[in-house]
Amino acid sequence: MGALVWLLIPLMGAVGGGLWGSWANRTRRARSDGPELDGYARFREAMERSGTGADGA
């Protein structure tokens, strides 16, 4: 009986880890990188415009 209890401990840990993993990943499908990529594109365009400056370097 004691061996059965010791086998249930890792089993419960695996089940708990699976439940936590599914809970932690629940909102990742709803998020997108759209706003971040738009901001990066604006940043790149601004750097390209200011990079063609007057010093000729």
N, C-alpha and C. Protein backbone atom coordinates (compact mmCIF):
# COMPACT_ATOMS: atom_id res chain seq x y z
N MET A 1 0.82 -1.20 0.00
CA MET A 1 0.00 0.00 0.00
C MET A 1 0.86 1.26 0.00
N GLY A 2 1.99 1.21 0.72
CA GLY A 2 2.88 2.36 0.76
C GLY A 2 3.48 2.67 -0.61
N ALA A 3 3.76 1.59 -1.39
CA ALA A 3 4.32 1.80 -2.73
C ALA A 3 3.30 2.46 -3.65
N LEU A 4 2.04 2.14 -3.46
CA LEU A 4 0.99 2.74 -4.27
C LEU A 4 0.90 4.25 -4.00
N VAL A 5 1.05 4.63 -2.75
CA VAL A 5 1.02 6.06 -2.40
C VAL A 5 2.20 6.77 -3.06
N TRP A 6 3.38 6.16 -3.05
CA TRP A 6 4.54 6.77 -3.67
C TRP A 6 4.41 6.86 -5.19
N LEU A 7 3.64 5.97 -5.78
CA LEU A 7 3.40 6.06 -7.22
C LEU A 7 2.34 7.11 -7.54
N LEU A 8 1.44 7.37 -6.62
CA LEU A 8 0.41 8.38 -6.86
C LEU A 8 0.96 9.80 -6.78
N ILE A 9 2.02 10.01 -6.03
CA ILE A 9 2.58 11.36 -5.89
C ILE A 9 3.06 11.90 -7.25
N PRO A 10 3.88 11.18 -8.01
CA PRO A 10 4.28 11.72 -9.33
C PRO A 10 3.10 11.80 -10.31
N LEU A 11 2.16 10.87 -10.18
CA LEU A 11 0.99 10.92 -11.05
C LEU A 11 0.19 12.19 -10.80
N MET A 12 -0.02 12.52 -9.54
CA MET A 12 -0.76 13.75 -9.22
C MET A 12 0.04 14.98 -9.65
N GLY A 13 1.35 14.91 -9.54
CA GLY A 13 2.19 16.01 -10.01
C GLY A 13 2.07 16.21 -11.52
N ALA A 14 2.03 15.11 -12.25
CA ALA A 14 1.90 15.20 -13.71
C ALA A 14 0.54 15.76 -14.10
N VAL A 15 -0.51 15.30 -13.42
CA VAL A 15 -1.85 15.81 -13.71
C VAL A 15 -1.93 17.29 -13.36
N GLY A 16 -1.37 17.66 -12.19
CA GLY A 16 -1.36 19.07 -11.80
C GLY A 16 -0.57 19.93 -12.77
N GLY A 17 0.57 19.42 -13.23
CA GLY A 17 1.36 20.16 -14.21
C GLY A 17 0.64 20.33 -15.53
N GLY A 18 -0.07 19.31 -15.96
CA GLY A 18 -0.84 19.42 -17.20
C GLY A 18 -1.97 20.42 -17.07
N LEU A 19 -2.65 20.41 -15.93
CA LEU A 19 -3.72 21.39 -15.72
C LEU A 19 -3.17 22.80 -15.66
N TRP A 20 -2.05 22.99 -14.96
CA TRP A 20 -1.46 24.31 -14.89
C TRP A 20 -1.00 24.78 -16.27
N GLY A 21 -0.41 23.88 -17.05
CA GLY A 21 0.06 24.24 -18.38
C GLY A 21 -1.07 24.66 -19.30
N SER A 22 -2.18 23.96 -19.23
CA SER A 22 -3.32 24.34 -20.07
C SER A 22 -3.92 25.66 -19.59
N TRP A 23 -3.91 25.90 -18.27
CA TRP A 23 -4.44 27.16 -17.75
C TRP A 23 -3.52 28.32 -18.12
N ALA A 24 -2.21 28.12 -18.02
CA ALA A 24 -1.26 29.19 -18.32
C ALA A 24 -1.26 29.54 -19.80
N ASN A 25 -1.61 28.62 -20.66
CA ASN A 25 -1.58 28.85 -22.10
C ASN A 25 -2.95 29.25 -22.66
N ARG A 26 -3.91 29.49 -21.81
CA ARG A 26 -5.28 29.71 -22.28
C ARG A 26 -5.45 31.00 -23.06
N THR A 27 -4.67 32.05 -22.77
CA THR A 27 -4.87 33.33 -23.46
C THR A 27 -3.89 33.55 -24.60
N ARG A 28 -2.97 32.67 -24.82
CA ARG A 28 -1.99 32.89 -25.87
C ARG A 28 -2.60 32.81 -27.26
N ARG A 29 -3.68 32.09 -27.41
CA ARG A 29 -4.32 32.00 -28.73
C ARG A 29 -5.02 33.29 -29.10
N ALA A 30 -5.47 34.04 -28.10
CA ALA A 30 -6.23 35.26 -28.36
C ALA A 30 -5.32 36.44 -28.69
N ARG A 31 -4.09 36.41 -28.24
CA ARG A 31 -3.18 37.53 -28.46
C ARG A 31 -2.50 37.41 -29.81
N SER A 32 -2.16 38.55 -30.37
CA SER A 32 -1.40 38.55 -31.62
C SER A 32 -0.26 39.55 -31.51
N ASP A 33 0.64 39.53 -32.45
CA ASP A 33 1.77 40.43 -32.46
C ASP A 33 1.51 41.66 -33.31
N GLY A 34 0.28 41.87 -33.74
CA GLY A 34 -0.05 42.97 -34.63
C GLY A 34 0.40 44.33 -34.15
N PRO A 35 -0.01 44.77 -32.96
CA PRO A 35 0.39 46.11 -32.51
C PRO A 35 1.90 46.26 -32.35
N GLU A 36 2.56 45.22 -31.86
CA GLU A 36 4.01 45.31 -31.69
C GLU A 36 4.71 45.40 -33.04
N LEU A 37 4.25 44.63 -34.01
CA LEU A 37 4.88 44.68 -35.33
C LEU A 37 4.60 46.00 -36.03
N ASP A 38 3.42 46.57 -35.82
CA ASP A 38 3.12 47.88 -36.40
C ASP A 38 4.03 48.94 -35.80
N GLY A 39 4.24 48.88 -34.48
CA GLY A 39 5.13 49.84 -33.84
C GLY A 39 6.56 49.70 -34.32
N TYR A 40 6.99 48.46 -34.52
CA TYR A 40 8.34 48.23 -35.02
C TYR A 40 8.49 48.76 -36.44
N ALA A 41 7.47 48.60 -37.26
CA ALA A 41 7.53 49.10 -38.64
C ALA A 41 7.61 50.63 -38.64
N ARG A 42 6.85 51.28 -37.76
CA ARG A 42 6.93 52.74 -37.67
C ARG A 42 8.31 53.18 -37.20
N PHE A 43 8.88 52.45 -36.25
CA PHE A 43 10.23 52.76 -35.76
C PHE A 43 11.26 52.63 -36.87
N ARG A 44 11.17 51.54 -37.64
CA ARG A 44 12.12 51.35 -38.73
C ARG A 44 12.02 52.45 -39.77
N GLU A 45 10.78 52.83 -40.11
CA GLU A 45 10.59 53.90 -41.10
C GLU A 45 11.18 55.21 -40.59
N ALA A 46 10.98 55.50 -39.31
CA ALA A 46 11.53 56.73 -38.74
C ALA A 46 13.05 56.69 -38.75
N MET A 47 13.66 55.55 -38.47
CA MET A 47 15.12 55.46 -38.49
C MET A 47 15.67 55.57 -39.90
N GLU A 48 14.94 55.04 -40.88
CA GLU A 48 15.40 55.16 -42.25
C GLU A 48 15.32 56.61 -42.73
N ARG A 49 14.28 57.32 -42.31
CA ARG A 49 14.16 58.71 -42.69
C ARG A 49 15.25 59.55 -42.05
N SER A 50 15.52 59.33 -40.78
CA SER A 50 16.56 60.13 -40.12
C SER A 50 17.96 59.62 -40.44
N GLY A 51 18.10 58.41 -40.95
CA GLY A 51 19.40 57.85 -41.28
C GLY A 51 20.00 58.43 -42.55
N THR A 52 19.21 59.06 -43.39
CA THR A 52 19.73 59.67 -44.61
C THR A 52 20.03 61.14 -44.34
N GLY A 53 20.69 61.41 -43.23
CA GLY A 53 20.93 62.75 -42.72
C GLY A 53 21.93 63.56 -43.53
N ALA A 54 22.27 64.73 -43.00
CA ALA A 54 23.09 65.70 -43.71
C ALA A 54 24.58 65.48 -43.56
N ASP A 55 25.02 64.67 -42.60
CA ASP A 55 26.46 64.52 -42.39
C ASP A 55 27.12 63.57 -43.40
N GLY A 56 26.37 62.80 -44.13
CA GLY A 56 26.91 61.95 -45.18
C GLY A 56 27.64 60.74 -44.69
N ALA A 57 27.49 60.40 -43.44
CA ALA A 57 28.20 59.23 -42.91
C ALA A 57 27.50 58.01 -43.20
